[in-house]
Amino acid sequence: MGLLSFNATFIPICASSSSSSLSQTSDNATCGSPAWIGKGLTCVCFKRKGNCQRICISLTPLQEERLRRLQRRMKVYFDGSKPDHQEALRALWSASFPGQDLQSLISDQWKEMGWQGRDPSTDFRGAGFISLENLLFFAKTFSTSFQRLLKRQGGKEAVWEYPFAVAGVNITFMIMQMLDLDATKPRTFVRAVFLQMLSENEWAFDLLYCVAFVVMDKQWQEKNATYMEFNDVLKSTRVQLERELLMDDVLRIEDMPSYSLLC
């Protein structure tokens, strides 16, 4: 899966090792296990910042099933010739600009949403169809937040601050990297925590995407960032997401402190 392509003023995200990657230790200290760790699973102790934590190597059947389903979604490339992909694009336009007709799937109108050109399909490289699904989920599930980010109060659109739609594609790609979902077995505690959340809610990835978008936007506004700083804002967004996912009382996406930013 390659990085996304952007013009010179908009920087693609860079692959980097997760700040929450854990190294195995030979310490045999007894670890307390989170309540969600099921009996009979193979768990290994890890040291992280002086605290003993557990990461489960084996997955429950439900985790395996939902992870495979999510991995299949991640591998679907956007294909503008497929009717269901075309319909998803039209649905995204309708959810973004209700009451405003879309002239064509290839149109200058798409630039209003922050795509780079007349054909949004060219911006899906690297993240695929799931990035369109994420945007559509955000638009339909948290329409107030979606519209607030897309259209600034007073008519100032987010596209003039950062390309809204293309930023959304980058966020999908960032979350994929952060969760290391293509790995055969969990290699980070963040990934293990997310897999448990996925077993509780099949839409955990999409919900996390929505949280990530509002966190990114909040940091962007607080830092008064420019195009050239987008990559830095995305990295700091990832750090905040990882920190919240590892909080002791966060067992669902809805428990993350930043979830309260959504409406």
C-alpha atoms as a PDB file:
ATOM      1  CA  MET A   1       0.000   0.000   0.000  1.00  0.00           C
ATOM      2  CA  GLY A   2       1.672   3.194  -1.150  1.00  0.00           C
ATOM      3  CA  LEU A   3       1.574   6.705   0.193  1.00  0.00           C
ATOM      4  CA  LEU A   4      -0.905   9.147  -1.209  1.00  0.00           C
ATOM      5  CA  SER A   5       0.145  11.620  -3.849  1.00  0.00           C
ATOM      6  CA  PHE A   6      -0.301  15.357  -3.287  1.00  0.00           C
ATOM      7  CA  ASN A   7       0.787  18.595  -4.775  1.00  0.00           C
ATOM      8  CA  ALA A   8       3.788  20.440  -3.408  1.00  0.00           C
ATOM      9  CA  THR A   9       1.749  22.373  -0.840  1.00  0.00           C
ATOM     10  CA  PHE A  10       0.149  19.343   0.793  1.00  0.00           C
ATOM     11  CA  ILE A  11       2.433  16.768   2.371  1.00  0.00           C
ATOM     12  CA  PRO A  12       1.626  13.033   2.487  1.00  0.00           C
ATOM     13  CA  ILE A  13       1.975  11.241   5.772  1.00  0.00           C
ATOM     14  CA  CYS A  14       5.168   9.386   6.472  1.00  0.00           C
ATOM     15  CA  ALA A  15       5.485   5.843   7.729  1.00  0.00           C
ATOM     16  CA  SER A  16       6.905   5.742  11.219  1.00  0.00           C
ATOM     17  CA  SER A  17       7.150   3.215  13.981  1.00  0.00           C
ATOM     18  CA  SER A  18       4.405   3.471  16.572  1.00  0.00           C
ATOM     19  CA  SER A  19       5.333   5.276  19.720  1.00  0.00           C
ATOM     20  CA  SER A  20       3.471   2.580  21.609  1.00  0.00           C
ATOM     21  CA  SER A  21       5.454  -0.355  20.223  1.00  0.00           C
ATOM     22  CA  LEU A  22       6.406  -2.673  23.027  1.00  0.00           C
ATOM     23  CA  SER A  23       9.513  -4.771  23.526  1.00  0.00           C
ATOM     24  CA  GLN A  24       9.262  -8.124  25.247  1.00  0.00           C
ATOM     25  CA  THR A  25      11.031  -8.570  28.559  1.00  0.00           C
ATOM     26  CA  SER A  26      12.129 -11.583  30.523  1.00  0.00           C
ATOM     27  CA  ASP A  27      10.685 -10.098  33.698  1.00  0.00           C
ATOM     28  CA  ASN A  28       8.394 -12.686  35.243  1.00  0.00           C
ATOM     29  CA  ALA A  29       6.502 -10.267  37.449  1.00  0.00           C
ATOM     30  CA  THR A  30       2.807 -10.946  37.813  1.00  0.00           C
ATOM     31  CA  CYS A  31       0.700  -8.703  35.598  1.00  0.00           C
ATOM     32  CA  GLY A  32      -2.825  -7.627  36.224  1.00  0.00           C
ATOM     33  CA  SER A  33      -4.901  -8.285  33.109  1.00  0.00           C
ATOM     34  CA  PRO A  34      -7.600  -5.947  31.826  1.00  0.00           C
ATOM     35  CA  ALA A  35     -11.144  -7.176  32.400  1.00  0.00           C
ATOM     36  CA  TRP A  36     -11.688  -7.798  28.689  1.00  0.00           C
ATOM     37  CA  ILE A  37      -8.890 -10.353  28.320  1.00  0.00           C
ATOM     38  CA  GLY A  38     -10.640 -13.679  27.929  1.00  0.00           C
ATOM     39  CA  LYS A  39      -9.681 -16.806  29.765  1.00  0.00           C
ATOM     40  CA  GLY A  40      -7.517 -19.277  27.904  1.00  0.00           C
ATOM     41  CA  LEU A  41      -5.879 -16.705  25.626  1.00  0.00           C
ATOM     42  CA  THR A  42      -2.104 -16.713  25.302  1.00  0.00           C
ATOM     43  CA  CYS A  43      -0.793 -13.531  26.898  1.00  0.00           C
ATOM     44  CA  VAL A  44       2.780 -12.290  27.259  1.00  0.00           C
ATOM     45  CA  CYS A  45       4.072  -9.727  29.747  1.00  0.00           C
ATOM     46  CA  PHE A  46       5.643  -6.538  28.468  1.00  0.00           C
ATOM     47  CA  LYS A  47       7.294  -3.631  30.206  1.00  0.00           C
ATOM     48  CA  ARG A  48       6.106  -0.163  29.252  1.00  0.00           C
ATOM     49  CA  LYS A  49       7.218   2.892  31.178  1.00  0.00           C
ATOM     50  CA  GLY A  50       7.904   0.765  34.245  1.00  0.00           C
ATOM     51  CA  ASN A  51       4.448  -0.798  34.311  1.00  0.00           C
ATOM     52  CA  CYS A  52       3.754  -4.435  33.552  1.00  0.00           C
ATOM     53  CA  GLN A  53       1.091  -4.838  30.871  1.00  0.00           C
ATOM     54  CA  ARG A  54      -0.230  -7.806  28.934  1.00  0.00           C
ATOM     55  CA  ILE A  55      -0.753  -8.235  25.247  1.00  0.00           C
ATOM     56  CA  CYS A  56      -2.758 -11.179  23.945  1.00  0.00           C
ATOM     57  CA  ILE A  57      -1.178 -13.096  21.104  1.00  0.00           C
ATOM     58  CA  SER A  58      -4.160 -15.303  20.344  1.00  0.00           C
ATOM     59  CA  LEU A  59      -7.400 -13.789  19.063  1.00  0.00           C
ATOM     60  CA  THR A  60     -10.908 -14.848  19.922  1.00  0.00           C
ATOM     61  CA  PRO A  61     -12.978 -16.248  17.021  1.00  0.00           C
ATOM     62  CA  LEU A  62     -15.032 -13.041  16.944  1.00  0.00           C
ATOM     63  CA  GLN A  63     -11.894 -10.877  16.834  1.00  0.00           C
ATOM     64  CA  GLU A  64     -10.482 -13.002  14.022  1.00  0.00           C
ATOM     65  CA  GLU A  65     -13.707 -12.767  12.042  1.00  0.00           C
ATOM     66  CA  ARG A  66     -14.059  -9.007  12.370  1.00  0.00           C
ATOM     67  CA  LEU A  67     -10.367  -8.400  11.767  1.00  0.00           C
ATOM     68  CA  ARG A  68     -10.528 -10.428   8.540  1.00  0.00           C
ATOM     69  CA  ARG A  69     -13.594  -8.460   7.475  1.00  0.00           C
ATOM     70  CA  LEU A  70     -11.816  -5.171   8.165  1.00  0.00           C
ATOM     71  CA  GLN A  71      -8.689  -6.363   6.350  1.00  0.00           C
ATOM     72  CA  ARG A  72     -10.816  -7.232   3.320  1.00  0.00           C
ATOM     73  CA  ARG A  73     -12.259  -3.716   3.371  1.00  0.00           C
ATOM     74  CA  MET A  74      -8.733  -2.296   3.486  1.00  0.00           C
ATOM     75  CA  LYS A  75      -7.707  -4.215   0.360  1.00  0.00           C
ATOM     76  CA  VAL A  76     -10.519  -2.927  -1.864  1.00  0.00           C
ATOM     77  CA  TYR A  77      -9.208  -0.399  -4.343  1.00  0.00           C
ATOM     78  CA  PHE A  78     -11.504   2.343  -5.530  1.00  0.00           C
ATOM     79  CA  ASP A  79     -12.801   1.514  -8.987  1.00  0.00           C
ATOM     80  CA  GLY A  80     -14.749   4.268 -10.675  1.00  0.00           C
ATOM     81  CA  SER A  81     -16.250   1.783 -13.128  1.00  0.00           C
ATOM     82  CA  LYS A  82     -18.085  -0.152 -10.388  1.00  0.00           C
ATOM     83  CA  PRO A  83     -21.710   0.927  -9.861  1.00  0.00           C
ATOM     84  CA  ASP A  84     -21.515   0.547  -6.068  1.00  0.00           C
ATOM     85  CA  HIS A  85     -18.405   2.741  -5.920  1.00  0.00           C
ATOM     86  CA  GLN A  86     -20.095   5.338  -8.099  1.00  0.00           C
ATOM     87  CA  GLU A  87     -23.152   5.227  -5.853  1.00  0.00           C
ATOM     88  CA  ALA A  88     -20.977   5.713  -2.759  1.00  0.00           C
ATOM     89  CA  LEU A  89     -19.482   8.851  -4.325  1.00  0.00           C
ATOM     90  CA  ARG A  90     -22.942  10.209  -5.097  1.00  0.00           C
ATOM     91  CA  ALA A  91     -24.053   9.406  -1.552  1.00  0.00           C
ATOM     92  CA  LEU A  92     -21.052  11.288  -0.167  1.00  0.00           C
ATOM     93  CA  TRP A  93     -21.910  14.322  -2.261  1.00  0.00           C
ATOM     94  CA  SER A  94     -25.560  14.224  -1.152  1.00  0.00           C
ATOM     95  CA  ALA A  95     -24.549  13.932   2.506  1.00  0.00           C
ATOM     96  CA  SER A  96     -22.021  16.748   2.149  1.00  0.00           C
ATOM     97  CA  PHE A  97     -24.136  19.172   0.125  1.00  0.00           C
ATOM     98  CA  PRO A  98     -27.805  18.275   0.660  1.00  0.00           C
ATOM     99  CA  GLY A  99     -30.089  19.898  -1.863  1.00  0.00           C
ATOM    100  CA  GLN A 100     -27.242  20.666  -4.262  1.00  0.00           C
ATOM    101  CA  ASP A 101     -27.233  18.477  -7.357  1.00  0.00           C
ATOM    102  CA  LEU A 102     -24.016  16.880  -8.539  1.00  0.00           C
ATOM    103  CA  GLN A 103     -23.553  17.551 -12.224  1.00  0.00           C
ATOM    104  CA  SER A 104     -21.251  14.602 -12.870  1.00  0.00           C
ATOM    105  CA  LEU A 105     -18.934  12.167 -11.098  1.00  0.00           C
ATOM    106  CA  ILE A 106     -16.155  14.108 -12.812  1.00  0.00           C
ATOM    107  CA  SER A 107     -16.819  17.751 -12.094  1.00  0.00           C
ATOM    108  CA  ASP A 108     -15.214  20.898 -10.731  1.00  0.00           C
ATOM    109  CA  GLN A 109     -17.822  20.716  -7.982  1.00  0.00           C
ATOM    110  CA  TRP A 110     -15.690  18.168  -6.130  1.00  0.00           C
ATOM    111  CA  LYS A 111     -13.078  20.842  -5.451  1.00  0.00           C
ATOM    112  CA  GLU A 112     -15.615  22.451  -3.097  1.00  0.00           C
ATOM    113  CA  MET A 113     -15.128  19.463  -0.797  1.00  0.00           C
ATOM    114  CA  GLY A 114     -11.355  19.553  -0.884  1.00  0.00           C
ATOM    115  CA  TRP A 115     -10.493  17.019  -3.560  1.00  0.00           C
ATOM    116  CA  GLN A 116      -7.454  17.908  -5.630  1.00  0.00           C
ATOM    117  CA  GLY A 117      -9.132  17.847  -8.999  1.00  0.00           C
ATOM    118  CA  ARG A 118     -12.318  17.192 -10.928  1.00  0.00           C
ATOM    119  CA  ASP A 119     -12.101  13.425 -10.408  1.00  0.00           C
ATOM    120  CA  PRO A 120     -11.977  12.363  -6.735  1.00  0.00           C
ATOM    121  CA  SER A 121     -11.110   8.790  -7.709  1.00  0.00           C
ATOM    122  CA  THR A 122      -7.514   9.895  -8.323  1.00  0.00           C
ATOM    123  CA  ASP A 123      -7.139  10.809  -4.631  1.00  0.00           C
ATOM    124  CA  PHE A 124      -7.966   7.352  -3.266  1.00  0.00           C
ATOM    125  CA  ARG A 125      -4.578   5.869  -4.089  1.00  0.00           C
ATOM    126  CA  GLY A 126      -2.995   4.307  -1.029  1.00  0.00           C
ATOM    127  CA  ALA A 127      -6.086   4.149   1.181  1.00  0.00           C
ATOM    128  CA  GLY A 128      -8.628   2.690  -1.239  1.00  0.00           C
ATOM    129  CA  PHE A 129     -12.383   2.399  -1.038  1.00  0.00           C
ATOM    130  CA  ILE A 130     -12.432   2.251   2.767  1.00  0.00           C
ATOM    131  CA  SER A 131     -11.385   5.913   2.884  1.00  0.00           C
ATOM    132  CA  LEU A 132     -14.553   6.789   0.969  1.00  0.00           C
ATOM    133  CA  GLU A 133     -16.567   4.578   3.335  1.00  0.00           C
ATOM    134  CA  ASN A 134     -14.995   6.410   6.286  1.00  0.00           C
ATOM    135  CA  LEU A 135     -15.946   9.820   4.923  1.00  0.00           C
ATOM    136  CA  LEU A 136     -19.484   8.648   4.215  1.00  0.00           C
ATOM    137  CA  PHE A 137     -19.798   7.113   7.697  1.00  0.00           C
ATOM    138  CA  PHE A 138     -18.640  10.400   9.251  1.00  0.00           C
ATOM    139  CA  ALA A 139     -21.055  12.435   7.129  1.00  0.00           C
ATOM    140  CA  LYS A 140     -24.048  10.271   8.014  1.00  0.00           C
ATOM    141  CA  THR A 141     -23.285   9.382  11.645  1.00  0.00           C
ATOM    142  CA  PHE A 142     -22.014  12.728  12.922  1.00  0.00           C
ATOM    143  CA  SER A 143     -23.473  15.121  10.381  1.00  0.00           C
ATOM    144  CA  THR A 144     -23.174  18.192  12.611  1.00  0.00           C
ATOM    145  CA  SER A 145     -19.451  17.669  13.214  1.00  0.00           C
ATOM    146  CA  PHE A 146     -18.894  16.764   9.572  1.00  0.00           C
ATOM    147  CA  GLN A 147     -20.591  19.916   8.330  1.00  0.00           C
ATOM    148  CA  ARG A 148     -18.814  22.053  10.931  1.00  0.00           C
ATOM    149  CA  LEU A 149     -15.432  20.872   9.657  1.00  0.00           C
ATOM    150  CA  LEU A 150     -16.409  21.074   5.996  1.00  0.00           C
ATOM    151  CA  LYS A 151     -17.982  24.517   6.192  1.00  0.00           C
ATOM    152  CA  ARG A 152     -16.605  26.951   8.692  1.00  0.00           C
ATOM    153  CA  GLN A 153     -18.919  29.315  10.512  1.00  0.00           C
ATOM    154  CA  GLY A 154     -19.458  32.399   8.411  1.00  0.00           C
ATOM    155  CA  GLY A 155     -19.001  30.467   5.190  1.00  0.00           C
ATOM    156  CA  LYS A 156     -15.260  29.873   5.450  1.00  0.00           C
ATOM    157  CA  GLU A 157     -14.751  26.358   4.145  1.00  0.00           C
ATOM    158  CA  ALA A 158     -12.136  24.046   5.600  1.00  0.00           C
ATOM    159  CA  VAL A 159     -10.876  23.435   2.075  1.00  0.00           C
ATOM    160  CA  TRP A 160      -9.120  26.810   2.295  1.00  0.00           C
ATOM    161  CA  GLU A 161      -7.294  25.714   5.439  1.00  0.00           C
ATOM    162  CA  TYR A 162      -6.551  22.136   4.450  1.00  0.00           C
ATOM    163  CA  PRO A 163      -8.096  20.055   1.621  1.00  0.00           C
ATOM    164  CA  PHE A 164     -10.921  18.505   3.649  1.00  0.00           C
ATOM    165  CA  ALA A 165     -11.581  15.340   1.632  1.00  0.00           C
ATOM    166  CA  VAL A 166      -7.933  14.589   0.898  1.00  0.00           C
ATOM    167  CA  ALA A 167      -7.130  15.110   4.570  1.00  0.00           C
ATOM    168  CA  GLY A 168      -9.773  12.488   5.315  1.00  0.00           C
ATOM    169  CA  VAL A 169      -8.034   9.990   3.037  1.00  0.00           C
ATOM    170  CA  ASN A 170      -4.758  10.679   4.858  1.00  0.00           C
ATOM    171  CA  ILE A 171      -6.437  10.046   8.207  1.00  0.00           C
ATOM    172  CA  THR A 172      -7.627   6.631   7.047  1.00  0.00           C
ATOM    173  CA  PHE A 173      -4.095   5.764   5.963  1.00  0.00           C
ATOM    174  CA  MET A 174      -2.645   7.003   9.265  1.00  0.00           C
ATOM    175  CA  ILE A 175      -5.023   4.847  11.312  1.00  0.00           C
ATOM    176  CA  MET A 176      -4.143   1.788   9.232  1.00  0.00           C
ATOM    177  CA  GLN A 177      -0.480   2.342  10.028  1.00  0.00           C
ATOM    178  CA  MET A 178      -1.099   3.071  13.692  1.00  0.00           C
ATOM    179  CA  LEU A 179      -3.113  -0.108  14.243  1.00  0.00           C
ATOM    180  CA  ASP A 180      -0.774  -2.311  12.183  1.00  0.00           C
ATOM    181  CA  LEU A 181      -3.809  -4.227  10.975  1.00  0.00           C
ATOM    182  CA  ASP A 182      -1.971  -6.243   8.343  1.00  0.00           C
ATOM    183  CA  ALA A 183       0.215  -7.932  10.963  1.00  0.00           C
ATOM    184  CA  THR A 184      -0.475 -11.622  11.542  1.00  0.00           C
ATOM    185  CA  LYS A 185      -0.395 -11.173  15.313  1.00  0.00           C
ATOM    186  CA  PRO A 186      -0.708  -8.148  17.621  1.00  0.00           C
ATOM    187  CA  ARG A 187       2.673  -6.434  17.939  1.00  0.00           C
ATOM    188  CA  THR A 188       1.580  -3.374  19.938  1.00  0.00           C
ATOM    189  CA  PHE A 189      -0.708  -2.904  22.877  1.00  0.00           C
ATOM    190  CA  VAL A 190      -2.627  -0.256  20.906  1.00  0.00           C
ATOM    191  CA  ARG A 191      -3.489  -2.853  18.279  1.00  0.00           C
ATOM    192  CA  ALA A 192      -4.508  -5.417  20.920  1.00  0.00           C
ATOM    193  CA  VAL A 193      -6.747  -2.872  22.632  1.00  0.00           C
ATOM    194  CA  PHE A 194      -8.339  -1.939  19.314  1.00  0.00           C
ATOM    195  CA  LEU A 195      -9.031  -5.579  18.425  1.00  0.00           C
ATOM    196  CA  GLN A 196     -10.982  -5.946  21.641  1.00  0.00           C
ATOM    197  CA  MET A 197     -12.926  -2.799  20.769  1.00  0.00           C
ATOM    198  CA  LEU A 198     -13.591  -4.290  17.348  1.00  0.00           C
ATOM    199  CA  SER A 199     -15.056  -7.394  18.945  1.00  0.00           C
ATOM    200  CA  GLU A 200     -17.384  -5.144  20.937  1.00  0.00           C
ATOM    201  CA  ASN A 201     -18.365  -2.977  17.959  1.00  0.00           C
ATOM    202  CA  GLU A 202     -17.849  -3.898  14.316  1.00  0.00           C
ATOM    203  CA  TRP A 203     -17.744  -0.184  13.421  1.00  0.00           C
ATOM    204  CA  ALA A 204     -14.876   0.596  15.816  1.00  0.00           C
ATOM    205  CA  PHE A 205     -12.526   1.518  12.946  1.00  0.00           C
ATOM    206  CA  ASP A 206     -15.028   3.950  11.450  1.00  0.00           C
ATOM    207  CA  LEU A 207     -15.754   5.487  14.855  1.00  0.00           C
ATOM    208  CA  LEU A 208     -12.036   5.882  15.523  1.00  0.00           C
ATOM    209  CA  TYR A 209     -11.747   7.605  12.153  1.00  0.00           C
ATOM    210  CA  CYS A 210     -14.362  10.167  13.168  1.00  0.00           C
ATOM    211  CA  VAL A 211     -12.564  10.809  16.458  1.00  0.00           C
ATOM    212  CA  ALA A 212      -9.258  11.175  14.605  1.00  0.00           C
ATOM    213  CA  PHE A 213     -10.730  13.726  12.202  1.00  0.00           C
ATOM    214  CA  VAL A 214     -12.064  16.025  14.923  1.00  0.00           C
ATOM    215  CA  VAL A 215      -8.823  15.670  16.909  1.00  0.00           C
ATOM    216  CA  MET A 216      -6.807  16.595  13.835  1.00  0.00           C
ATOM    217  CA  ASP A 217      -9.031  19.579  13.122  1.00  0.00           C
ATOM    218  CA  LYS A 218      -8.862  20.775  16.744  1.00  0.00           C
ATOM    219  CA  GLN A 219      -5.074  20.591  16.741  1.00  0.00           C
ATOM    220  CA  TRP A 220      -4.972  22.335  13.388  1.00  0.00           C
ATOM    221  CA  GLN A 221      -7.023  25.246  14.721  1.00  0.00           C
ATOM    222  CA  GLU A 222      -5.106  25.483  18.004  1.00  0.00           C
ATOM    223  CA  LYS A 223      -1.771  25.585  16.184  1.00  0.00           C
ATOM    224  CA  ASN A 224      -3.059  27.853  13.428  1.00  0.00           C
ATOM    225  CA  ALA A 225      -1.281  25.435  11.117  1.00  0.00           C
ATOM    226  CA  THR A 226      -0.452  25.887   7.450  1.00  0.00           C
ATOM    227  CA  TYR A 227      -0.461  23.433   4.553  1.00  0.00           C
ATOM    228  CA  MET A 228       3.184  22.661   5.102  1.00  0.00           C
ATOM    229  CA  GLU A 229       2.503  21.672   8.720  1.00  0.00           C
ATOM    230  CA  PHE A 230      -0.200  19.128   7.935  1.00  0.00           C
ATOM    231  CA  ASN A 231       2.152  16.196   8.351  1.00  0.00           C
ATOM    232  CA  ASP A 232       3.206  17.402  11.799  1.00  0.00           C
ATOM    233  CA  VAL A 233      -0.408  17.861  12.865  1.00  0.00           C
ATOM    234  CA  LEU A 234      -1.234  14.363  11.664  1.00  0.00           C
ATOM    235  CA  LYS A 235       1.649  12.920  13.656  1.00  0.00           C
ATOM    236  CA  SER A 236       0.564  14.706  16.822  1.00  0.00           C
ATOM    237  CA  THR A 237      -2.982  13.478  16.184  1.00  0.00           C
ATOM    238  CA  ARG A 238      -1.690   9.930  16.113  1.00  0.00           C
ATOM    239  CA  VAL A 239       0.171  10.441  19.396  1.00  0.00           C
ATOM    240  CA  GLN A 240      -2.994  11.694  21.075  1.00  0.00           C
ATOM    241  CA  LEU A 241      -5.078   8.807  19.745  1.00  0.00           C
ATOM    242  CA  GLU A 242      -2.541   6.261  20.988  1.00  0.00           C
ATOM    243  CA  ARG A 243      -2.421   7.907  24.403  1.00  0.00           C
ATOM    244  CA  GLU A 244      -6.214   7.862  24.748  1.00  0.00           C
ATOM    245  CA  LEU A 245      -6.547   4.274  23.534  1.00  0.00           C
ATOM    246  CA  LEU A 246      -4.115   3.146  26.234  1.00  0.00           C
ATOM    247  CA  MET A 247      -5.967   4.821  29.100  1.00  0.00           C
ATOM    248  CA  ASP A 248      -7.052   2.353  31.766  1.00  0.00           C
ATOM    249  CA  ASP A 249     -10.743   3.279  31.622  1.00  0.00           C
ATOM    250  CA  VAL A 250     -11.006   3.317  27.810  1.00  0.00           C
ATOM    251  CA  LEU A 251     -12.631   0.039  26.774  1.00  0.00           C
ATOM    252  CA  ARG A 252     -14.638   1.380  23.804  1.00  0.00           C
ATOM    253  CA  ILE A 253     -14.087   4.119  21.235  1.00  0.00           C
ATOM    254  CA  GLU A 254     -16.906   5.964  22.969  1.00  0.00           C
ATOM    255  CA  ASP A 255     -14.812   6.042  26.167  1.00  0.00           C
ATOM    256  CA  MET A 256     -12.030   8.070  24.561  1.00  0.00           C
ATOM    257  CA  PRO A 257     -11.982  11.640  25.933  1.00  0.00           C
ATOM    258  CA  SER A 258     -11.919  13.107  22.416  1.00  0.00           C
ATOM    259  CA  TYR A 259     -15.110  11.260  21.479  1.00  0.00           C
ATOM    260  CA  SER A 260     -16.931  14.118  23.237  1.00  0.00           C
ATOM    261  CA  LEU A 261     -15.855  16.406  20.387  1.00  0.00           C
ATOM    262  CA  LEU A 262     -18.282  14.615  18.072  1.00  0.00           C
ATOM    263  CA  CYS A 263     -21.859  15.721  17.685  1.00  0.00           C
END
